[in-house]
Amino acid sequence: MEQEKYKLIIIGSGITGLSTGLAWTKIYNAVENPVLIIEKQTVPGGCVSTFAREGYRFDTVQIIPDVSDILEFYNIDIELVKFDNFYARLFLADPKNKIARIFPIHSELEKFKDNLIGFFPDDRVQINRFFNYCSKMHAELQYLKTEPRLYEFPGILFRCPKILANSGKTYKEFLSGFNFRNPEIYEILDTFSTFSGLSGNRCAALLTACAMITTLNGSYRTRKGFIEFPVQLKKKFEENGGQIMLNTIVEKILTDEGKAKGVRLADGRELYAENVVSTTDTKLTFGKLLGYDVLEKADSGYEKKVRELRMSPSAITIHVGLDDKIDLRGMGFDCGYNVLTTGRKTHEKLFDDWSKGNFILSDEDFHCGVIAPCLKTGGKPNLIIRVVPVAANNWIKLRKTDIDAYNKEKQKFADFYISKVEEYMISNLRKHITFIDVASPATYERYLGTPTGSNYDMLPVPNNFGRKRLKTRTPVKNLYHPKFSHGIWPSMQAGLQVVDMISGRKIMNGNASFKKRR
């Protein structure tokens, strides 16, 4: 039997996988250099999806920067809708008095800075210094290389002093250096760490500070829902000659003498390729598909780092369908994100519990995001309540052993957080609810194939971010694992980066970030 051979096989059709495949077809003829994406689900997209229930359309709760340059490079047209007023709002709850102070975060950097100074005039100097510093550090990103060559190091050292100075810091450590007088400023700025899936005490400063500047330069949703991204990426990939297998499970990454040579599918077929890119969960890729024994033989140091890596937390996502009598827009929910929290120490308390495999439901300590994507995408009114972090083990075990108890626990969790949203954000919310669907860590474990139900893959902590991050080019020759960061924009960047590596810098000239050629 003739062997099926490809130039490139990609495992997973999330945004990283689709971006990798499409980037390949932009620089290579896919007939002469065939590329295949393999996806275990019946539809592509991974975490980026839109689903329908009872007449409601629930979208993913992402916020993206302006990605028009990458879309133009891919020759894809997706309508983006900008948040013109507020990027986010922080609801700082006071459980004792049953009220919440609202701090708006404007969607434009200068207006947000001016608002902060208006709230806290005594901190004018520190606020200006903070944003000036972050903007300069963000500008240094353009000089970074994914795999810098020896002669490029002096230029990076000269042009990126702020990035290098803060690469080992957490976001909390970074913020403390600005000596704000009012503690509520830390509370407001810590809102940006929410989108990393970590508290500011743990998250890498570079991720949070630079993501803040990126989003404050313009934040968007899609007009038709984020499902447009995988739909359009897949369509263009196939138009360019790429091949995709859906509903197909990869069982093993095949190797020979330290070199990746293809994959074995669950049905026993073996497909061969000159290069293999795995975009699946890090622990799944190396622990199951490749095997730690193979990785250790290639590089024991790399294998040790993978084993010691902590994966990001899982989540509870509560999808709430509402009647048409509720006015979400009038209540200010037409912004990217609303964060309801009892304060700065709350998020860290939740992470302490998560690290022990626990979760607390407490009237004194709660933290969640509340989003209304329908105000941009249209359709029947709905809310999405997202709670992070949530430990996965108990949820996964409970679903397998007692489905009734599992469903009751989900409802208990949903009832608690709906009550908090009603108490501090939307009075009489429950009178308007017509439908509830709850996704637990067990949902993410099944759908994404992550053993821990992880939503953000590897933890973006200082010792695994930036130059210390697990390398995309693995020690197994011709095997790549692109994990630039989480979210649509970073995932598209990761796909571009890995093809840039394989092709010898044909797309981005080795740059870490995509730059439109003028």
Protein backbone atom coordinates (compact mmCIF):
# COMPACT_ATOMS: atom_id res chain seq x y z
CA MET A 1 0.00 0.00 0.00
CA GLU A 2 1.30 3.45 -0.94
CA GLN A 3 2.10 5.59 2.08
CA GLU A 4 0.23 8.87 2.56
CA LYS A 5 2.91 11.55 2.73
CA TYR A 6 2.69 15.25 3.50
CA LYS A 7 5.14 18.08 3.91
CA LEU A 8 3.32 19.15 7.08
CA ILE A 9 0.80 17.51 9.41
CA ILE A 10 -0.93 19.70 12.00
CA ILE A 11 -2.66 18.17 15.02
CA GLY A 12 -5.66 20.26 16.10
CA SER A 13 -7.84 22.79 14.27
CA GLY A 14 -8.11 25.51 16.87
CA ILE A 15 -7.04 28.97 15.79
CA THR A 16 -3.34 28.06 16.12
CA GLY A 17 -3.76 24.97 13.95
CA LEU A 18 -5.80 26.75 11.30
CA SER A 19 -3.42 29.71 11.27
CA THR A 20 -0.46 27.34 10.87
CA GLY A 21 -2.10 25.59 7.94
CA LEU A 22 -3.14 28.79 6.22
CA ALA A 23 0.29 30.37 6.72
CA TRP A 24 1.82 27.31 5.04
CA THR A 25 -0.44 27.69 1.99
CA LYS A 26 0.51 31.36 1.72
CA ILE A 27 4.15 30.57 0.98
CA TYR A 28 3.98 27.06 -0.47
CA ASN A 29 1.98 25.46 -3.25
CA ALA A 30 -0.22 23.01 -1.34
CA VAL A 31 -0.30 20.58 -4.26
CA GLU A 32 3.47 20.30 -4.40
CA ASN A 33 3.86 20.69 -0.62
CA PRO A 34 0.72 19.07 0.82
CA VAL A 35 -0.47 20.07 4.29
CA LEU A 36 -3.02 18.25 6.44
CA ILE A 37 -4.87 19.35 9.58
CA ILE A 38 -6.31 16.60 11.79
CA GLU A 39 -9.14 17.45 14.21
CA LYS A 40 -10.92 15.11 16.62
CA GLN A 41 -14.14 17.15 16.73
CA THR A 42 -16.72 17.40 13.95
CA VAL A 43 -16.18 21.16 13.63
CA PRO A 44 -12.99 23.24 13.79
CA GLY A 45 -12.29 26.08 16.18
CA GLY A 46 -11.36 24.62 19.56
CA CYS A 47 -12.19 27.19 22.26
CA VAL A 48 -13.31 29.70 19.64
CA SER A 49 -16.88 28.74 18.97
CA THR A 50 -20.51 29.82 19.00
CA PHE A 51 -23.30 27.46 19.99
CA ALA A 52 -27.08 27.62 19.86
CA ARG A 53 -29.59 26.47 22.48
CA GLU A 54 -33.31 27.17 22.73
CA GLY A 55 -33.09 29.96 20.17
CA TYR A 56 -30.12 31.64 21.89
CA ARG A 57 -26.67 32.09 20.35
CA PHE A 58 -23.89 31.99 22.92
CA ASP A 59 -20.55 33.33 21.74
CA THR A 60 -17.11 32.88 23.22
CA VAL A 61 -16.18 35.68 25.62
CA GLN A 62 -13.01 36.89 23.95
CA ILE A 63 -11.92 40.44 23.30
CA ILE A 64 -9.41 40.96 20.52
CA PRO A 65 -7.17 43.81 19.38
CA ASP A 66 -7.12 45.02 15.80
CA VAL A 67 -6.08 41.95 13.77
CA SER A 68 -6.86 43.48 10.38
CA ASP A 69 -3.23 43.24 9.20
CA ILE A 70 -3.17 39.47 9.73
CA LEU A 71 -6.62 39.06 8.16
CA GLU A 72 -5.43 41.06 5.15
CA PHE A 73 -2.33 38.86 4.87
CA TYR A 74 -4.60 35.79 4.89
CA ASN A 75 -7.01 37.48 2.44
CA ILE A 76 -9.91 36.98 4.84
CA ASP A 77 -12.76 39.41 5.44
CA ILE A 78 -14.25 39.31 8.95
CA GLU A 79 -16.25 42.30 10.18
CA LEU A 80 -14.90 43.55 13.49
CA VAL A 81 -16.95 45.82 15.76
CA LYS A 82 -15.03 48.17 18.02
CA PHE A 83 -15.87 48.92 21.63
CA ASP A 84 -16.09 52.70 21.39
CA ASN A 85 -16.94 53.45 25.00
CA PHE A 86 -15.69 51.02 27.61
CA TYR A 87 -13.30 48.13 27.32
CA ALA A 88 -14.36 46.83 30.73
CA ARG A 89 -16.00 47.78 34.01
CA LEU A 90 -14.86 46.74 37.46
CA PHE A 91 -17.60 46.15 40.04
CA LEU A 92 -15.87 46.23 43.41
CA ALA A 93 -18.34 44.57 45.77
CA ASP A 94 -18.69 45.42 49.45
CA PRO A 95 -20.35 42.35 51.06
CA LYS A 96 -20.90 44.17 54.34
CA ASN A 97 -23.00 46.98 52.85
CA LYS A 98 -24.27 44.98 49.84
CA ILE A 99 -23.16 47.58 47.30
CA ALA A 100 -20.59 47.73 44.51
CA ARG A 101 -18.47 50.63 43.34
CA ILE A 102 -18.17 50.76 39.56
CA PHE A 103 -14.89 51.74 37.90
CA PRO A 104 -15.13 52.08 34.09
CA ILE A 105 -12.10 51.23 31.98
CA HIS A 106 -12.29 53.23 28.78
CA SER A 107 -11.51 51.51 25.50
CA GLU A 108 -8.93 54.17 24.56
CA LEU A 109 -5.70 54.46 26.50
CA GLU A 110 -5.62 58.25 26.88
CA LYS A 111 -9.24 58.42 28.03
CA PHE A 112 -8.69 55.59 30.51
CA LYS A 113 -5.61 57.36 31.87
CA ASP A 114 -7.54 60.64 32.18
CA ASN A 115 -10.39 58.85 33.98
CA LEU A 116 -7.96 57.34 36.47
CA ILE A 117 -6.39 60.72 37.14
CA GLY A 118 -9.89 62.13 37.61
CA PHE A 119 -10.67 59.46 40.21
CA PHE A 120 -7.27 59.73 41.91
CA PRO A 121 -5.70 63.17 41.29
CA ASP A 122 -3.10 62.63 44.04
CA ASP A 123 -1.61 59.85 41.90
CA ARG A 124 -1.36 61.89 38.69
CA VAL A 125 2.43 61.61 38.47
CA GLN A 126 2.48 57.87 39.17
CA ILE A 127 -0.37 57.17 36.72
CA ASN A 128 1.35 59.08 33.91
CA ARG A 129 4.64 57.33 34.66
CA PHE A 130 2.95 53.92 34.63
CA PHE A 131 1.29 54.33 31.23
CA ASN A 132 4.34 55.96 29.67
CA TYR A 133 6.50 53.09 30.87
CA CYS A 134 4.06 50.39 29.69
CA SER A 135 3.70 52.03 26.27
CA LYS A 136 7.48 52.13 25.80
CA MET A 137 7.82 48.52 26.94
CA HIS A 138 5.05 47.50 24.54
CA ALA A 139 6.87 49.27 21.68
CA GLU A 140 9.96 47.14 22.38
CA LEU A 141 8.04 44.00 21.33
CA GLN A 142 8.66 44.82 17.67
CA TYR A 143 12.38 44.12 18.13
CA LEU A 144 12.03 40.63 19.59
CA LYS A 145 12.90 37.55 17.55
CA THR A 146 11.30 34.13 17.97
CA GLU A 147 14.63 32.34 17.61
CA PRO A 148 17.28 35.08 17.74
CA ARG A 149 20.53 34.41 15.95
CA LEU A 150 23.81 35.19 17.66
CA TYR A 151 24.38 38.45 15.78
CA GLU A 152 20.86 39.66 16.73
CA PHE A 153 21.33 39.50 20.50
CA PRO A 154 23.18 42.84 20.86
CA GLY A 155 20.35 44.65 19.07
CA ILE A 156 17.72 43.06 21.31
CA LEU A 157 19.70 43.93 24.45
CA PHE A 158 20.01 47.53 23.28
CA ARG A 159 16.43 48.02 22.06
CA CYS A 160 14.49 46.06 24.72
CA PRO A 161 15.77 47.21 28.14
CA LYS A 162 12.34 47.40 29.76
CA ILE A 163 11.29 43.95 28.57
CA LEU A 164 14.53 42.46 29.88
CA ALA A 165 14.25 44.32 33.20
CA ASN A 166 10.76 42.97 33.87
CA SER A 167 10.93 39.49 32.37
CA GLY A 168 11.23 37.82 35.77
CA LYS A 169 8.52 39.82 37.53
CA THR A 170 4.91 39.08 38.30
CA TYR A 171 2.34 41.72 37.45
CA LYS A 172 1.92 42.50 41.16
CA GLU A 173 5.67 43.06 41.54
CA PHE A 174 5.65 45.25 38.45
CA LEU A 175 2.75 47.39 39.74
CA SER A 176 4.34 47.81 43.16
CA GLY A 177 7.26 49.62 41.56
CA PHE A 178 5.06 52.61 40.71
CA ASN A 179 4.14 53.35 44.35
CA PHE A 180 0.51 54.33 43.83
CA ARG A 181 -0.87 56.01 46.94
CA ASN A 182 -4.43 54.79 46.52
CA PRO A 183 -4.86 51.00 46.81
CA GLU A 184 -7.92 51.09 44.54
CA ILE A 185 -5.63 51.87 41.60
CA TYR A 186 -4.00 48.47 42.07
CA GLU A 187 -7.50 46.98 42.11
CA ILE A 188 -8.46 48.60 38.83
CA LEU A 189 -5.19 47.82 37.03
CA ASP A 190 -5.32 44.25 38.31
CA THR A 191 -8.47 43.81 36.19
CA PHE A 192 -6.18 43.17 33.23
CA SER A 193 -4.67 40.09 34.87
CA THR A 194 -8.15 38.51 34.77
CA PHE A 195 -7.71 37.85 31.07
CA SER A 196 -4.56 35.81 31.66
CA GLY A 197 -6.42 33.23 33.73
CA LEU A 198 -4.23 34.12 36.71
CA SER A 199 -4.14 36.58 39.57
CA GLY A 200 -1.73 39.51 39.41
CA ASN A 201 0.31 37.84 42.17
CA ARG A 202 1.21 35.04 39.77
CA CYS A 203 0.89 36.26 36.19
CA ALA A 204 3.93 37.35 34.17
CA ALA A 205 4.17 41.14 34.14
CA LEU A 206 5.09 41.24 30.45
CA LEU A 207 1.92 39.40 29.40
CA THR A 208 -0.49 41.56 31.39
CA ALA A 209 1.13 44.97 30.90
CA CYS A 210 1.68 44.54 27.16
CA ALA A 211 -1.76 42.97 26.60
CA MET A 212 -3.24 45.97 28.41
CA ILE A 213 -1.61 48.42 25.99
CA THR A 214 -2.59 46.30 22.98
CA THR A 215 -6.26 46.19 23.96
CA LEU A 216 -6.40 49.86 24.97
CA ASN A 217 -5.23 50.70 21.45
CA GLY A 218 -8.53 49.23 20.23
CA SER A 219 -10.74 46.35 21.39
CA TYR A 220 -13.13 44.40 19.16
CA ARG A 221 -15.66 41.62 18.80
CA THR A 222 -16.90 40.12 15.54
CA ARG A 223 -20.24 41.11 14.05
CA LYS A 224 -21.31 37.52 13.42
CA GLY A 225 -19.69 35.92 16.46
CA PHE A 226 -16.23 34.50 16.91
CA ILE A 227 -17.22 31.32 15.08
CA GLU A 228 -16.42 33.42 11.99
CA PHE A 229 -12.71 32.97 12.65
CA PRO A 230 -12.52 29.16 12.35
CA VAL A 231 -15.13 29.15 9.58
CA GLN A 232 -13.25 31.66 7.43
CA LEU A 233 -9.78 30.29 8.22
CA LYS A 234 -10.88 26.77 7.27
CA LYS A 235 -12.57 27.99 4.09
CA LYS A 236 -9.50 29.88 2.91
CA PHE A 237 -7.18 27.02 3.91
CA GLU A 238 -9.15 24.58 1.74
CA GLU A 239 -9.43 27.10 -1.12
CA ASN A 240 -5.63 27.28 -1.06
CA GLY A 241 -5.37 23.51 -1.40
CA GLY A 242 -4.98 22.50 2.23
CA GLN A 243 -6.61 19.32 3.50
CA ILE A 244 -8.48 18.81 6.76
CA MET A 245 -9.72 15.64 8.46
CA LEU A 246 -12.50 16.18 11.00
CA ASN A 247 -13.80 13.63 13.50
CA THR A 248 -10.38 11.96 13.41
CA ILE A 249 -8.28 11.11 16.46
CA VAL A 250 -4.49 11.12 16.51
CA GLU A 251 -3.27 8.30 18.72
CA LYS A 252 0.49 8.71 18.43
CA ILE A 253 3.20 10.95 17.02
CA LEU A 254 5.53 8.65 15.13
CA THR A 255 9.29 9.06 15.50
CA ASP A 256 12.41 7.42 14.19
CA GLU A 257 15.87 8.02 15.66
CA GLY A 258 14.86 11.24 17.37
CA LYS A 259 12.96 12.62 14.40
CA ALA A 260 9.19 13.06 13.97
CA LYS A 261 7.97 11.28 10.86
CA GLY A 262 4.18 11.38 11.06
CA VAL A 263 1.18 10.25 13.10
CA ARG A 264 -0.83 7.12 13.79
CA LEU A 265 -4.60 7.53 13.88
CA ALA A 266 -7.01 5.74 16.19
CA ASP A 267 -8.18 3.57 13.26
CA GLY A 268 -4.63 2.29 12.79
CA ARG A 269 -3.69 4.30 9.71
CA GLU A 270 -0.25 5.87 9.63
CA LEU A 271 0.27 9.20 7.88
CA TYR A 272 3.77 10.47 7.21
CA ALA A 273 5.16 13.99 7.02
CA GLU A 274 8.45 15.88 6.92
CA ASN A 275 7.21 18.14 9.73
CA VAL A 276 4.64 17.68 12.51
CA VAL A 277 3.05 20.55 14.44
CA SER A 278 0.98 19.71 17.51
CA THR A 279 -1.30 22.48 18.77
CA THR A 280 -3.02 20.36 21.41
CA ASP A 281 -2.65 20.61 25.20
CA THR A 282 1.03 20.57 26.22
CA LYS A 283 0.70 17.63 28.61
CA LEU A 284 -1.34 15.69 26.06
CA THR A 285 1.16 16.35 23.29
CA PHE A 286 4.25 15.25 25.18
CA GLY A 287 2.83 12.84 27.74
CA LYS A 288 0.47 10.84 25.54
CA LEU A 289 0.96 11.53 21.84
CA LEU A 290 4.76 11.60 21.90
CA GLY A 291 5.65 9.92 25.18
CA TYR A 292 7.91 11.26 27.92
CA ASP A 293 10.39 8.47 27.24
CA VAL A 294 10.91 9.69 23.68
CA LEU A 295 11.21 13.29 24.85
CA GLU A 296 13.69 12.43 27.62
CA LYS A 297 15.88 10.59 25.17
CA ALA A 298 15.94 13.66 22.93
CA ASP A 299 16.58 16.18 25.73
CA SER A 300 16.21 15.36 29.42
CA GLY A 301 16.18 19.05 30.38
CA TYR A 302 13.27 19.82 28.07
CA GLU A 303 11.43 16.73 29.32
CA LYS A 304 11.95 17.81 32.93
CA LYS A 305 10.56 21.28 32.18
CA VAL A 306 7.46 19.78 30.53
CA ARG A 307 6.81 17.46 33.47
CA GLU A 308 7.18 20.32 35.96
CA LEU A 309 4.96 22.71 34.00
CA ARG A 310 1.70 23.64 35.65
CA MET A 311 -1.26 23.94 33.37
CA SER A 312 -3.61 26.89 33.61
CA PRO A 313 -6.86 26.54 35.56
CA SER A 314 -10.18 25.44 34.24
CA ALA A 315 -13.43 27.38 34.49
CA ILE A 316 -17.15 27.30 35.07
CA THR A 317 -19.07 29.07 32.30
CA ILE A 318 -22.73 29.83 32.94
CA HIS A 319 -24.77 30.63 29.82
CA VAL A 320 -27.93 32.53 30.76
CA GLY A 321 -30.78 33.08 28.29
CA LEU A 322 -32.98 36.10 29.07
CA ASP A 323 -36.38 37.43 28.02
CA ASP A 324 -36.72 40.50 25.82
CA LYS A 325 -37.88 42.72 28.67
CA ILE A 326 -34.40 43.21 30.06
CA ASP A 327 -32.34 46.18 28.86
CA LEU A 328 -28.71 45.07 29.02
CA ARG A 329 -27.52 47.96 26.87
CA GLY A 330 -29.21 50.49 29.12
CA MET A 331 -27.37 48.96 32.08
CA GLY A 332 -24.01 49.49 30.38
CA PHE A 333 -23.25 45.90 29.38
CA ASP A 334 -22.23 46.87 25.85
CA CYS A 335 -18.57 46.69 26.78
CA GLY A 336 -15.95 44.00 26.44
CA TYR A 337 -16.02 42.63 29.98
CA ASN A 338 -17.51 43.28 33.40
CA VAL A 339 -15.57 42.01 36.40
CA LEU A 340 -17.43 41.46 39.67
CA THR A 341 -15.10 40.90 42.61
CA THR A 342 -14.88 41.35 46.36
CA GLY A 343 -11.39 42.69 46.09
CA ARG A 344 -7.73 42.27 45.44
CA LYS A 345 -7.07 39.43 47.85
CA THR A 346 -10.09 37.45 46.63
CA HIS A 347 -8.58 36.30 43.35
CA GLU A 348 -5.43 35.11 45.10
CA LYS A 349 -7.51 33.26 47.73
CA LEU A 350 -9.33 31.47 44.93
CA PHE A 351 -6.00 30.52 43.36
CA ASP A 352 -4.71 29.21 46.68
CA ASP A 353 -7.76 26.97 46.88
CA TRP A 354 -7.40 25.96 43.23
CA SER A 355 -3.80 24.89 43.82
CA LYS A 356 -5.12 22.55 46.54
CA GLY A 357 -7.88 21.20 44.28
CA ASN A 358 -10.63 23.08 46.12
CA PHE A 359 -13.11 25.86 45.46
CA ILE A 360 -15.02 28.07 47.86
CA LEU A 361 -18.51 29.50 47.45
CA SER A 362 -18.48 32.35 49.93
CA ASP A 363 -20.52 35.53 50.29
CA GLU A 364 -17.29 37.24 51.38
CA ASP A 365 -15.06 36.11 48.52
CA PHE A 366 -16.21 35.83 44.91
CA HIS A 367 -14.84 36.79 41.52
CA CYS A 368 -16.34 36.41 38.04
CA GLY A 369 -16.64 37.97 34.61
CA VAL A 370 -20.06 38.91 33.22
CA ILE A 371 -20.34 39.44 29.47
CA ALA A 372 -23.15 40.17 26.99
CA PRO A 373 -21.78 39.33 23.51
CA CYS A 374 -25.30 39.52 22.06
CA LEU A 375 -25.13 43.32 22.20
CA LYS A 376 -22.55 43.17 19.40
CA THR A 377 -23.57 39.99 17.58
CA GLY A 378 -27.36 40.35 17.81
CA GLY A 379 -29.93 37.71 18.65
CA LYS A 380 -31.94 37.04 21.78
CA PRO A 381 -30.53 38.66 24.95
CA ASN A 382 -28.16 36.54 26.99
CA LEU A 383 -25.37 36.77 29.53
CA ILE A 384 -22.29 34.66 30.06
CA ILE A 385 -20.91 34.39 33.59
CA ARG A 386 -17.37 33.06 33.68
CA VAL A 387 -15.63 31.90 36.84
CA VAL A 388 -11.86 31.27 36.97
CA PRO A 389 -10.04 29.44 38.54
CA VAL A 390 -11.83 26.14 39.07
CA ALA A 391 -9.99 22.89 39.84
CA ALA A 392 -10.89 20.09 37.46
CA ASN A 393 -10.35 16.78 39.24
CA ASN A 394 -13.50 16.66 41.36
CA TRP A 395 -15.69 17.73 38.45
CA ILE A 396 -14.24 15.17 36.04
CA LYS A 397 -14.51 12.38 38.58
CA LEU A 398 -18.06 13.33 39.62
CA ARG A 399 -19.34 13.36 36.05
CA LYS A 400 -17.97 9.88 35.46
CA THR A 401 -19.28 8.39 38.72
CA ASP A 402 -22.57 10.18 39.49
CA ILE A 403 -24.14 12.25 36.72
CA ASP A 404 -27.10 13.34 38.88
CA ALA A 405 -24.82 14.66 41.62
CA TYR A 406 -22.70 16.32 38.95
CA ASN A 407 -25.70 18.17 37.50
CA LYS A 408 -26.84 19.25 40.97
CA GLU A 409 -23.38 20.60 41.73
CA LYS A 410 -23.37 22.56 38.48
CA GLN A 411 -26.75 24.06 39.31
CA LYS A 412 -25.60 24.96 42.83
CA PHE A 413 -22.60 26.76 41.37
CA ALA A 414 -24.74 28.58 38.81
CA ASP A 415 -27.32 29.62 41.41
CA PHE A 416 -24.60 31.12 43.61
CA TYR A 417 -23.03 33.26 40.92
CA ILE A 418 -26.35 34.28 39.38
CA SER A 419 -27.38 35.47 42.85
CA LYS A 420 -24.22 37.58 43.11
CA VAL A 421 -24.78 39.16 39.70
CA GLU A 422 -28.36 39.91 40.75
CA GLU A 423 -27.28 41.34 44.09
CA TYR A 424 -24.55 43.67 42.81
CA MET A 425 -25.13 44.24 39.09
CA ILE A 426 -28.63 43.44 37.75
CA SER A 427 -31.53 43.64 40.19
CA ASN A 428 -34.31 41.07 39.64
CA LEU A 429 -32.13 39.19 37.17
CA ARG A 430 -33.75 35.84 37.92
CA LYS A 431 -37.17 37.12 36.83
CA HIS A 432 -35.79 37.47 33.31
CA ILE A 433 -34.03 34.08 33.05
CA THR A 434 -35.58 31.56 30.67
CA PHE A 435 -32.64 29.20 30.08
CA ILE A 436 -29.40 28.13 31.79
CA ASP A 437 -26.57 25.95 30.48
CA VAL A 438 -23.44 25.32 32.55
CA ALA A 439 -20.05 24.20 31.23
CA SER A 440 -17.74 22.73 33.87
CA PRO A 441 -14.08 21.63 33.82
CA ALA A 442 -15.40 18.20 32.80
CA THR A 443 -16.91 19.84 29.70
CA TYR A 444 -13.55 21.31 28.72
CA GLU A 445 -11.75 18.05 29.47
CA ARG A 446 -14.05 16.21 27.06
CA TYR A 447 -14.21 18.81 24.33
CA LEU A 448 -10.60 20.03 24.30
CA GLY A 449 -8.96 16.78 25.39
CA THR A 450 -7.02 18.49 28.17
CA PRO A 451 -6.42 16.19 31.16
CA THR A 452 -6.88 19.14 33.55
CA GLY A 453 -9.70 20.92 31.73
CA SER A 454 -7.22 23.74 31.16
CA ASN A 455 -8.57 26.79 29.33
CA TYR A 456 -5.29 28.63 28.72
CA ASP A 457 -2.76 25.78 28.30
CA MET A 458 0.48 26.47 30.22
CA LEU A 459 0.44 28.89 33.16
CA PRO A 460 1.82 32.27 31.97
CA VAL A 461 4.08 32.69 34.98
CA PRO A 462 7.46 34.49 34.86
CA ASN A 463 9.52 31.29 34.68
CA ASN A 464 7.52 30.10 31.65
CA PHE A 465 6.95 33.21 29.60
CA GLY A 466 8.92 35.21 27.08
CA ARG A 467 12.45 33.89 26.61
CA LYS A 468 11.89 31.33 29.38
CA ARG A 469 8.81 29.84 27.74
CA LEU A 470 8.87 26.23 26.57
CA LYS A 471 10.45 26.34 23.12
CA THR A 472 8.25 25.89 20.06
CA ARG A 473 10.98 23.93 18.29
CA THR A 474 11.13 20.75 20.35
CA PRO A 475 14.26 18.62 20.78
CA VAL A 476 12.57 15.94 18.65
CA LYS A 477 13.65 16.99 15.19
CA ASN A 478 10.87 18.33 12.93
CA LEU A 479 8.33 18.36 15.78
CA TYR A 480 6.93 21.75 16.80
CA HIS A 481 4.61 22.85 19.60
CA PRO A 482 3.56 26.51 19.09
CA LYS A 483 2.15 28.13 22.24
CA PHE A 484 2.80 31.88 21.87
CA SER A 485 0.01 32.68 24.34
CA HIS A 486 -3.76 32.20 24.58
CA GLY A 487 -6.48 34.11 22.75
CA ILE A 488 -7.25 34.63 19.06
CA TRP A 489 -4.53 37.17 18.25
CA PRO A 490 -1.71 35.25 20.00
CA SER A 491 -2.93 31.98 18.47
CA MET A 492 -2.81 33.45 14.98
CA GLN A 493 0.68 34.77 15.78
CA ALA A 494 1.74 31.29 16.93
CA GLY A 495 0.72 29.80 13.59
CA LEU A 496 2.69 32.43 11.71
CA GLN A 497 5.70 31.97 13.98
CA VAL A 498 5.97 28.22 13.54
CA VAL A 499 5.71 28.36 9.74
CA ASP A 500 8.28 31.17 9.79
CA MET A 501 10.58 28.79 11.69
CA ILE A 502 10.04 25.83 9.38
CA SER A 503 10.40 27.92 6.22
CA GLY A 504 13.57 29.72 7.25
CA ARG A 505 11.97 33.10 8.04
CA LYS A 506 9.93 33.45 4.85
CA ILE A 507 6.94 35.13 6.53
CA MET A 508 8.13 37.30 9.42
CA ASN A 509 11.92 37.35 8.98
CA GLY A 510 12.23 35.76 12.42
CA ASN A 511 10.25 38.48 14.20
CA ALA A 512 8.16 37.43 17.18
CA SER A 513 5.20 39.55 16.03
CA PHE A 514 3.67 39.87 12.59
CA LYS A 515 4.38 43.14 10.82
CA LYS A 516 2.57 44.21 7.70
CA ARG A 517 5.00 44.82 4.88
CA ARG A 518 4.56 48.36 3.64
